[in-house]
């Protein structure tokens, strides 16, 4: 006797594989975008005063972007744009519902994290 698997169930399983990555990527993209918007666009002096801009302690730990508010805002905008690539890949994986597109999306997410890490720690201002 041959068992058949419901195709709708397979599609839901495929979506379930990509959904955690989509949520995680959306979280990081929105967090970086919020930081850019708060410091770069709104630029409220009381909000900016809460950040250790110019502090040697913050910059010595790999935070070269803490040199000033403008540099920090640009770094956050760049980081959010970098996370848009895997975000689009996860959206595509959910639409296509194929395993290979989900694997590619997770690979792009790992590459985005690696890129952000390298920009944060190996860039000299």
Foldseek 3Di string as FASTA:
>chain_A
DDDDDDVVVLLVVLLVLLVVVLVVLVVLLVVLVVLLCDLPPVNDVVVQVVQQACDPVCVVVLAQQSVHSNSSSVLSNVLSVLSVVLNVLSVVSSVVSDPVSSVVSVVSVVVSVVVNVCCRHVDHD
